[in-house]
Amino acid sequence: MLKNLADIDTDDVTEMFLTSLANLYDPHSSYFSPRVSRISVFQMRLSLVGIGALLGFEDNECVVKELIPGGPLIWASNCIPMTRSSP
């Protein structure tokens, strides 16, 4: 967050205004300025880890189509491909 008034620039003001406006319509929405967007995308690329499975839907159920080699789910003994899981 901003530490003092001297740290505020036009992008910060725009971000605060558009986030407030977006929250009026959807409380889970926010606006990222270009600078904040680049930072958050960079951080997500560094820390995003999937479950290690290719998922799909069949008959309104989530299905594990295949396990990804090296993924975390490959070590789970109770998960095999084509396992169904209700949403």
PDB file of N, CA and C in Angstrom:
ATOM      1  N   MET A   1       0.838  -1.182   0.000  1.00  0.00           N
ATOM      2  CA  MET A   1       0.000   0.000   0.000  1.00  0.00           C
ATOM      3  C   MET A   1       0.878   1.238   0.000  1.00  0.00           C
ATOM      4  N   LEU A   2       0.292   2.355  -0.288  1.00  0.00           N
ATOM      5  CA  LEU A   2       1.032   3.614  -0.347  1.00  0.00           C
ATOM      6  C   LEU A   2       1.431   4.077   1.043  1.00  0.00           C
ATOM      7  N   LYS A   3       2.671   4.544   1.164  1.00  0.00           N
ATOM      8  CA  LYS A   3       3.170   4.965   2.473  1.00  0.00           C
ATOM      9  C   LYS A   3       2.910   6.439   2.753  1.00  0.00           C
ATOM     10  N   ASN A   4       2.964   7.258   1.742  1.00  0.00           N
ATOM     11  CA  ASN A   4       2.661   8.677   1.954  1.00  0.00           C
ATOM     12  C   ASN A   4       2.122   9.304   0.678  1.00  0.00           C
ATOM     13  N   LEU A   5       1.676  10.513   0.803  1.00  0.00           N
ATOM     14  CA  LEU A   5       1.041  11.209  -0.311  1.00  0.00           C
ATOM     15  C   LEU A   5       1.976  11.406  -1.499  1.00  0.00           C
ATOM     16  N   ALA A   6       3.267  11.499  -1.255  1.00  0.00           N
ATOM     17  CA  ALA A   6       4.222  11.697  -2.343  1.00  0.00           C
ATOM     18  C   ALA A   6       4.349  10.474  -3.237  1.00  0.00           C
ATOM     19  N   ASP A   7       3.929   9.300  -2.739  1.00  0.00           N
ATOM     20  CA  ASP A   7       4.009   8.080  -3.529  1.00  0.00           C
ATOM     21  C   ASP A   7       2.867   7.934  -4.526  1.00  0.00           C
ATOM     22  N   ILE A   8       1.828   8.740  -4.411  1.00  0.00           N
ATOM     23  CA  ILE A   8       0.653   8.609  -5.272  1.00  0.00           C
ATOM     24  C   ILE A   8       0.921   9.250  -6.629  1.00  0.00           C
ATOM     25  N   ASP A   9       0.658   8.497  -7.699  1.00  0.00           N
ATOM     26  CA  ASP A   9       0.737   9.068  -9.039  1.00  0.00           C
ATOM     27  C   ASP A   9      -0.610   8.867  -9.735  1.00  0.00           C
ATOM     28  N   THR A  10      -0.709   9.285 -10.978  1.00  0.00           N
ATOM     29  CA  THR A  10      -2.000   9.218 -11.667  1.00  0.00           C
ATOM     30  C   THR A  10      -2.480   7.787 -11.862  1.00  0.00           C
ATOM     31  N   ASP A  11      -1.564   6.849 -12.070  1.00  0.00           N
ATOM     32  CA  ASP A  11      -1.968   5.446 -12.207  1.00  0.00           C
ATOM     33  C   ASP A  11      -2.593   4.921 -10.915  1.00  0.00           C
ATOM     34  N   ASP A  12      -2.051   5.335  -9.767  1.00  0.00           N
ATOM     35  CA  ASP A  12      -2.600   4.902  -8.479  1.00  0.00           C
ATOM     36  C   ASP A  12      -4.003   5.456  -8.264  1.00  0.00           C
ATOM     37  N   VAL A  13      -4.197   6.721  -8.616  1.00  0.00           N
ATOM     38  CA  VAL A  13      -5.517   7.343  -8.465  1.00  0.00           C
ATOM     39  C   VAL A  13      -6.522   6.662  -9.393  1.00  0.00           C
ATOM     40  N   THR A  14      -6.112   6.407 -10.630  1.00  0.00           N
ATOM     41  CA  THR A  14      -6.985   5.720 -11.586  1.00  0.00           C
ATOM     42  C   THR A  14      -7.339   4.332 -11.079  1.00  0.00           C
ATOM     43  N   GLU A  15      -6.352   3.612 -10.558  1.00  0.00           N
ATOM     44  CA  GLU A  15      -6.599   2.272 -10.042  1.00  0.00           C
ATOM     45  C   GLU A  15      -7.580   2.299  -8.870  1.00  0.00           C
ATOM     46  N   MET A  16      -7.408   3.238  -7.944  1.00  0.00           N
ATOM     47  CA  MET A  16      -8.317   3.335  -6.795  1.00  0.00           C
ATOM     48  C   MET A  16      -9.739   3.666  -7.236  1.00  0.00           C
ATOM     49  N   PHE A  17      -9.869   4.593  -8.175  1.00  0.00           N
ATOM     50  CA  PHE A  17     -11.190   4.994  -8.646  1.00  0.00           C
ATOM     51  C   PHE A  17     -11.892   3.849  -9.377  1.00  0.00           C
ATOM     52  N   LEU A  18     -11.183   3.215 -10.322  1.00  0.00           N
ATOM     53  CA  LEU A  18     -11.809   2.155 -11.108  1.00  0.00           C
ATOM     54  C   LEU A  18     -12.090   0.907 -10.271  1.00  0.00           C
ATOM     55  N   THR A  19     -11.263   0.632  -9.278  1.00  0.00           N
ATOM     56  CA  THR A  19     -11.538  -0.483  -8.371  1.00  0.00           C
ATOM     57  C   THR A  19     -12.788  -0.192  -7.551  1.00  0.00           C
ATOM     58  N   SER A  20     -12.922   1.038  -7.057  1.00  0.00           N
ATOM     59  CA  SER A  20     -14.130   1.411  -6.312  1.00  0.00           C
ATOM     60  C   SER A  20     -15.370   1.303  -7.190  1.00  0.00           C
ATOM     61  N   LEU A  21     -15.266   1.758  -8.424  1.00  0.00           N
ATOM     62  CA  LEU A  21     -16.383   1.673  -9.356  1.00  0.00           C
ATOM     63  C   LEU A  21     -16.740   0.213  -9.661  1.00  0.00           C
ATOM     64  N   ALA A  22     -15.743  -0.615  -9.901  1.00  0.00           N
ATOM     65  CA  ALA A  22     -15.993  -2.026 -10.188  1.00  0.00           C
ATOM     66  C   ALA A  22     -16.628  -2.728  -8.991  1.00  0.00           C
ATOM     67  N   ASN A  23     -16.226  -2.354  -7.780  1.00  0.00           N
ATOM     68  CA  ASN A  23     -16.781  -2.972  -6.581  1.00  0.00           C
ATOM     69  C   ASN A  23     -18.254  -2.628  -6.377  1.00  0.00           C
ATOM     70  N   LEU A  24     -18.720  -1.529  -6.947  1.00  0.00           N
ATOM     71  CA  LEU A  24     -20.150  -1.201  -6.874  1.00  0.00           C
ATOM     72  C   LEU A  24     -20.990  -2.240  -7.596  1.00  0.00           C
ATOM     73  N   TYR A  25     -20.455  -2.750  -8.704  1.00  0.00           N
ATOM     74  CA  TYR A  25     -21.200  -3.704  -9.528  1.00  0.00           C
ATOM     75  C   TYR A  25     -20.887  -5.153  -9.174  1.00  0.00           C
ATOM     76  N   ASP A  26     -19.670  -5.409  -8.782  1.00  0.00           N
ATOM     77  CA  ASP A  26     -19.257  -6.771  -8.430  1.00  0.00           C
ATOM     78  C   ASP A  26     -18.194  -6.684  -7.346  1.00  0.00           C
ATOM     79  N   PRO A  27     -18.509  -7.125  -6.124  1.00  0.00           N
ATOM     80  CA  PRO A  27     -17.566  -6.969  -5.011  1.00  0.00           C
ATOM     81  C   PRO A  27     -16.271  -7.766  -5.169  1.00  0.00           C
ATOM     82  N   HIS A  28     -16.214  -8.666  -6.137  1.00  0.00           N
ATOM     83  CA  HIS A  28     -15.015  -9.472  -6.332  1.00  0.00           C
ATOM     84  C   HIS A  28     -14.162  -8.974  -7.492  1.00  0.00           C
ATOM     85  N   SER A  29     -14.493  -7.809  -8.035  1.00  0.00           N
ATOM     86  CA  SER A  29     -13.757  -7.260  -9.165  1.00  0.00           C
ATOM     87  C   SER A  29     -12.834  -6.144  -8.712  1.00  0.00           C
ATOM     88  N   SER A  30     -11.760  -5.995  -9.438  1.00  0.00           N
ATOM     89  CA  SER A  30     -10.861  -4.873  -9.180  1.00  0.00           C
ATOM     90  C   SER A  30     -10.139  -4.524 -10.474  1.00  0.00           C
ATOM     91  N   TYR A  31      -9.584  -3.329 -10.516  1.00  0.00           N
ATOM     92  CA  TYR A  31      -8.842  -2.870 -11.679  1.00  0.00           C
ATOM     93  C   TYR A  31      -7.370  -2.840 -11.309  1.00  0.00           C
ATOM     94  N   PHE A  32      -6.533  -3.402 -12.170  1.00  0.00           N
ATOM     95  CA  PHE A  32      -5.096  -3.338 -11.975  1.00  0.00           C
ATOM     96  C   PHE A  32      -4.513  -2.349 -12.958  1.00  0.00           C
ATOM     97  N   SER A  33      -3.719  -1.430 -12.460  1.00  0.00           N
ATOM     98  CA  SER A  33      -3.005  -0.532 -13.357  1.00  0.00           C
ATOM     99  C   SER A  33      -2.001  -1.373 -14.143  1.00  0.00           C
ATOM    100  N   PRO A  34      -1.504  -0.852 -15.258  1.00  0.00           N
ATOM    101  CA  PRO A  34      -0.550  -1.640 -16.041  1.00  0.00           C
ATOM    102  C   PRO A  34       0.661  -2.109 -15.216  1.00  0.00           C
ATOM    103  N   ARG A  35       1.157  -1.256 -14.333  1.00  0.00           N
ATOM    104  CA  ARG A  35       2.305  -1.617 -13.504  1.00  0.00           C
ATOM    105  C   ARG A  35       1.962  -2.759 -12.546  1.00  0.00           C
ATOM    106  N   VAL A  36       0.832  -2.651 -11.855  1.00  0.00           N
ATOM    107  CA  VAL A  36       0.411  -3.678 -10.914  1.00  0.00           C
ATOM    108  C   VAL A  36       0.070  -4.969 -11.653  1.00  0.00           C
ATOM    109  N   SER A  37      -0.503  -4.851 -12.833  1.00  0.00           N
ATOM    110  CA  SER A  37      -0.835  -6.034 -13.632  1.00  0.00           C
ATOM    111  C   SER A  37       0.424  -6.806 -14.010  1.00  0.00           C
ATOM    112  N   ARG A  38       1.458  -6.104 -14.453  1.00  0.00           N
ATOM    113  CA  ARG A  38       2.714  -6.774 -14.802  1.00  0.00           C
ATOM    114  C   ARG A  38       3.314  -7.482 -13.594  1.00  0.00           C
ATOM    115  N   ILE A  39       3.267  -6.838 -12.436  1.00  0.00           N
ATOM    116  CA  ILE A  39       3.826  -7.426 -11.218  1.00  0.00           C
ATOM    117  C   ILE A  39       3.037  -8.670 -10.817  1.00  0.00           C
ATOM    118  N   SER A  40       1.714  -8.598 -10.836  1.00  0.00           N
ATOM    119  CA  SER A  40       0.909  -9.738 -10.399  1.00  0.00           C
ATOM    120  C   SER A  40       1.030 -10.911 -11.374  1.00  0.00           C
ATOM    121  N   VAL A  41       1.087 -10.649 -12.676  1.00  0.00           N
ATOM    122  CA  VAL A  41       1.262 -11.724 -13.654  1.00  0.00           C
ATOM    123  C   VAL A  41       2.621 -12.383 -13.451  1.00  0.00           C
ATOM    124  N   PHE A  42       3.639 -11.592 -13.205  1.00  0.00           N
ATOM    125  CA  PHE A  42       4.975 -12.132 -12.954  1.00  0.00           C
ATOM    126  C   PHE A  42       4.975 -13.008 -11.710  1.00  0.00           C
ATOM    127  N   GLN A  43       4.329 -12.562 -10.636  1.00  0.00           N
ATOM    128  CA  GLN A  43       4.286 -13.329  -9.397  1.00  0.00           C
ATOM    129  C   GLN A  43       3.487 -14.623  -9.574  1.00  0.00           C
ATOM    130  N   MET A  44       2.401 -14.580 -10.349  1.00  0.00           N
ATOM    131  CA  MET A  44       1.614 -15.789 -10.568  1.00  0.00           C
ATOM    132  C   MET A  44       2.410 -16.824 -11.355  1.00  0.00           C
ATOM    133  N   ARG A  45       3.196 -16.391 -12.299  1.00  0.00           N
ATOM    134  CA  ARG A  45       4.007 -17.327 -13.078  1.00  0.00           C
ATOM    135  C   ARG A  45       5.047 -18.017 -12.203  1.00  0.00           C
ATOM    136  N   LEU A  46       5.512 -17.322 -11.183  1.00  0.00           N
ATOM    137  CA  LEU A  46       6.520 -17.910 -10.306  1.00  0.00           C
ATOM    138  C   LEU A  46       5.917 -18.891  -9.307  1.00  0.00           C
ATOM    139  N   SER A  47       4.657 -18.694  -8.933  1.00  0.00           N
ATOM    140  CA  SER A  47       4.120 -19.480  -7.829  1.00  0.00           C
ATOM    141  C   SER A  47       2.946 -20.383  -8.200  1.00  0.00           C
ATOM    142  N   LEU A  48       2.452 -20.303  -9.405  1.00  0.00           N
ATOM    143  CA  LEU A  48       1.288 -21.092  -9.770  1.00  0.00           C
ATOM    144  C   LEU A  48       1.683 -22.550 -10.001  1.00  0.00           C
ATOM    145  N   VAL A  49       1.106 -23.431  -9.216  1.00  0.00           N
ATOM    146  CA  VAL A  49       1.353 -24.860  -9.358  1.00  0.00           C
ATOM    147  C   VAL A  49       0.007 -25.534  -9.498  1.00  0.00           C
ATOM    148  N   GLY A  50      -0.168 -26.293 -10.545  1.00  0.00           N
ATOM    149  CA  GLY A  50      -1.417 -27.005 -10.735  1.00  0.00           C
ATOM    150  C   GLY A  50      -1.418 -28.297  -9.938  1.00  0.00           C
ATOM    151  N   ILE A  51      -2.498 -29.054 -10.064  1.00  0.00           N
ATOM    152  CA  ILE A  51      -2.588 -30.308  -9.330  1.00  0.00           C
ATOM    153  C   ILE A  51      -1.898 -31.439 -10.080  1.00  0.00           C
ATOM    154  N   GLY A  52      -1.522 -31.179 -11.312  1.00  0.00           N
ATOM    155  CA  GLY A  52      -0.824 -32.207 -12.077  1.00  0.00           C
ATOM    156  C   GLY A  52      -1.752 -33.171 -12.778  1.00  0.00           C
ATOM    157  N   ALA A  53      -2.894 -32.663 -13.200  1.00  0.00           N
ATOM    158  CA  ALA A  53      -3.854 -33.528 -13.887  1.00  0.00           C
ATOM    159  C   ALA A  53      -4.553 -32.746 -14.987  1.00  0.00           C
ATOM    160  N   LEU A  54      -4.888 -33.449 -16.045  1.00  0.00           N
ATOM    161  CA  LEU A  54      -5.706 -32.878 -17.103  1.00  0.00           C
ATOM    162  C   LEU A  54      -7.146 -33.216 -16.760  1.00  0.00           C
ATOM    163  N   LEU A  55      -7.962 -32.189 -16.525  1.00  0.00           N
ATOM    164  CA  LEU A  55      -9.344 -32.390 -16.105  1.00  0.00           C
ATOM    165  C   LEU A  55     -10.298 -32.177 -17.275  1.00  0.00           C
ATOM    166  N   GLY A  56     -11.451 -32.785 -17.177  1.00  0.00           N
ATOM    167  CA  GLY A  56     -12.497 -32.618 -18.167  1.00  0.00           C
ATOM    168  C   GLY A  56     -13.851 -32.810 -17.512  1.00  0.00           C
ATOM    169  N   PHE A  57     -14.927 -32.594 -18.259  1.00  0.00           N
ATOM    170  CA  PHE A  57     -16.273 -32.777 -17.743  1.00  0.00           C
ATOM    171  C   PHE A  57     -17.005 -33.811 -18.584  1.00  0.00           C
ATOM    172  N   GLU A  58     -17.634 -34.736 -17.898  1.00  0.00           N
ATOM    173  CA  GLU A  58     -18.495 -35.723 -18.555  1.00  0.00           C
ATOM    174  C   GLU A  58     -19.724 -35.906 -17.686  1.00  0.00           C
ATOM    175  N   ASP A  59     -20.890 -35.767 -18.277  1.00  0.00           N
ATOM    176  CA  ASP A  59     -22.159 -35.906 -17.550  1.00  0.00           C
ATOM    177  C   ASP A  59     -22.213 -35.003 -16.322  1.00  0.00           C
ATOM    178  N   ASN A  60     -21.771 -33.757 -16.482  1.00  0.00           N
ATOM    179  CA  ASN A  60     -21.793 -32.745 -15.424  1.00  0.00           C
ATOM    180  C   ASN A  60     -20.923 -33.125 -14.218  1.00  0.00           C
ATOM    181  N   GLU A  61     -19.908 -33.920 -14.434  1.00  0.00           N
ATOM    182  CA  GLU A  61     -18.966 -34.309 -13.390  1.00  0.00           C
ATOM    183  C   GLU A  61     -17.542 -34.027 -13.856  1.00  0.00           C
ATOM    184  N   CYS A  62     -16.704 -33.640 -12.910  1.00  0.00           N
ATOM    185  CA  CYS A  62     -15.297 -33.414 -13.200  1.00  0.00           C
ATOM    186  C   CYS A  62     -14.596 -34.761 -13.288  1.00  0.00           C
ATOM    187  N   VAL A  63     -13.823 -34.955 -14.362  1.00  0.00           N
ATOM    188  CA  VAL A  63     -13.141 -36.229 -14.591  1.00  0.00           C
ATOM    189  C   VAL A  63     -11.647 -35.967 -14.754  1.00  0.00           C
ATOM    190  N   VAL A  64     -10.811 -36.764 -14.086  1.00  0.00           N
ATOM    191  CA  VAL A  64      -9.367 -36.713 -14.281  1.00  0.00           C
ATOM    192  C   VAL A  64      -9.067 -37.521 -15.535  1.00  0.00           C
ATOM    193  N   LYS A  65      -8.740 -36.820 -16.622  1.00  0.00           N
ATOM    194  CA  LYS A  65      -8.495 -37.500 -17.905  1.00  0.00           C
ATOM    195  C   LYS A  65      -7.133 -38.188 -17.907  1.00  0.00           C
ATOM    196  N   GLU A  66      -6.098 -37.476 -17.418  1.00  0.00           N
ATOM    197  CA  GLU A  66      -4.768 -38.072 -17.333  1.00  0.00           C
ATOM    198  C   GLU A  66      -3.936 -37.329 -16.302  1.00  0.00           C
ATOM    199  N   LEU A  67      -2.946 -38.002 -15.776  1.00  0.00           N
ATOM    200  CA  LEU A  67      -2.029 -37.402 -14.815  1.00  0.00           C
ATOM    201  C   LEU A  67      -0.821 -36.852 -15.561  1.00  0.00           C
ATOM    202  N   ILE A  68      -0.357 -35.688 -15.149  1.00  0.00           N
ATOM    203  CA  ILE A  68       0.789 -35.038 -15.775  1.00  0.00           C
ATOM    204  C   ILE A  68       2.066 -35.542 -15.092  1.00  0.00           C
ATOM    205  N   PRO A  69       3.010 -36.071 -15.856  1.00  0.00           N
ATOM    206  CA  PRO A  69       4.261 -36.545 -15.250  1.00  0.00           C
ATOM    207  C   PRO A  69       4.976 -35.408 -14.507  1.00  0.00           C
ATOM    208  N   GLY A  70       5.408 -35.682 -13.296  1.00  0.00           N
ATOM    209  CA  GLY A  70       6.103 -34.694 -12.488  1.00  0.00           C
ATOM    210  C   GLY A  70       5.183 -33.808 -11.675  1.00  0.00           C
ATOM    211  N   GLY A  71       3.880 -33.921 -11.874  1.00  0.00           N
ATOM    212  CA  GLY A  71       2.926 -33.115 -11.121  1.00  0.00           C
ATOM    213  C   GLY A  71       2.673 -33.690  -9.738  1.00  0.00           C
ATOM    214  N   PRO A  72       2.122 -32.890  -8.818  1.00  0.00           N
ATOM    215  CA  PRO A  72       1.886 -33.351  -7.455  1.00  0.00           C
ATOM    216  C   PRO A  72       0.921 -34.523  -7.360  1.00  0.00           C
ATOM    217  N   LEU A  73      -0.048 -34.590  -8.252  1.00  0.00           N
ATOM    218  CA  LEU A  73      -1.064 -35.639  -8.159  1.00  0.00           C
ATOM    219  C   LEU A  73      -0.528 -37.019  -8.552  1.00  0.00           C
ATOM    220  N   ILE A  74       0.577 -37.058  -9.249  1.00  0.00           N
ATOM    221  CA  ILE A  74       1.135 -38.342  -9.674  1.00  0.00           C
ATOM    222  C   ILE A  74       1.541 -39.183  -8.461  1.00  0.00           C
ATOM    223  N   TRP A  75       1.817 -38.514  -7.332  1.00  0.00           N
ATOM    224  CA  TRP A  75       2.240 -39.222  -6.121  1.00  0.00           C
ATOM    225  C   TRP A  75       1.059 -39.678  -5.271  1.00  0.00           C
ATOM    226  N   ALA A  76      -0.144 -39.239  -5.596  1.00  0.00           N
ATOM    227  CA  ALA A  76      -1.327 -39.638  -4.826  1.00  0.00           C
ATOM    228  C   ALA A  76      -1.762 -41.032  -5.271  1.00  0.00           C
ATOM    229  N   SER A  77      -1.790 -41.960  -4.357  1.00  0.00           N
ATOM    230  CA  SER A  77      -2.119 -43.336  -4.717  1.00  0.00           C
ATOM    231  C   SER A  77      -3.609 -43.551  -4.953  1.00  0.00           C
ATOM    232  N   ASN A  78      -4.445 -42.629  -4.472  1.00  0.00           N
ATOM    233  CA  ASN A  78      -5.890 -42.824  -4.607  1.00  0.00           C
ATOM    234  C   ASN A  78      -6.480 -42.144  -5.836  1.00  0.00           C
ATOM    235  N   CYS A  79      -5.662 -41.596  -6.700  1.00  0.00           N
ATOM    236  CA  CYS A  79      -6.171 -40.929  -7.902  1.00  0.00           C
ATOM    237  C   CYS A  79      -5.654 -41.644  -9.136  1.00  0.00           C
ATOM    238  N   ILE A  80      -6.585 -42.088  -9.941  1.00  0.00           N
ATOM    239  CA  ILE A  80      -6.230 -42.724 -11.206  1.00  0.00           C
ATOM    240  C   ILE A  80      -6.994 -42.013 -12.317  1.00  0.00           C
ATOM    241  N   PRO A  81      -6.490 -42.034 -13.540  1.00  0.00           N
ATOM    242  CA  PRO A  81      -7.205 -41.383 -14.636  1.00  0.00           C
ATOM    243  C   PRO A  81      -8.629 -41.932 -14.770  1.00  0.00           C
ATOM    244  N   MET A  82      -9.518 -41.063 -15.220  1.00  0.00           N
ATOM    245  CA  MET A  82     -10.936 -41.299 -15.423  1.00  0.00           C
ATOM    246  C   MET A  82     -11.699 -41.444 -14.107  1.00  0.00           C
ATOM    247  N   THR A  83     -11.131 -40.922 -13.020  1.00  0.00           N
ATOM    248  CA  THR A  83     -11.842 -40.878 -11.740  1.00  0.00           C
ATOM    249  C   THR A  83     -12.860 -39.743 -11.792  1.00  0.00           C
ATOM    250  N   ARG A  84     -14.062 -39.993 -11.331  1.00  0.00           N
ATOM    251  CA  ARG A  84     -15.104 -38.975 -11.345  1.00  0.00           C
ATOM    252  C   ARG A  84     -15.186 -38.284  -9.994  1.00  0.00           C
ATOM    253  N   SER A  85     -15.476 -36.988 -10.052  1.00  0.00           N
ATOM    254  CA  SER A  85     -15.654 -36.201  -8.842  1.00  0.00           C
ATOM    255  C   SER A  85     -16.801 -35.253  -9.068  1.00  0.00           C
ATOM    256  N   SER A  86     -17.855 -35.329  -8.274  1.00  0.00           N
ATOM    257  CA  SER A  86     -19.028 -34.469  -8.437  1.00  0.00           C
ATOM    258  C   SER A  86     -18.683 -33.053  -8.015  1.00  0.00           C
ATOM    259  N   PRO A  87     -19.205 -32.049  -8.756  1.00  0.00           N
ATOM    260  CA  PRO A  87     -18.928 -30.649  -8.398  1.00  0.00           C
ATOM    261  C   PRO A  87     -19.626 -30.239  -7.117  1.00  0.00           C
TER     262      PRO A  87
END
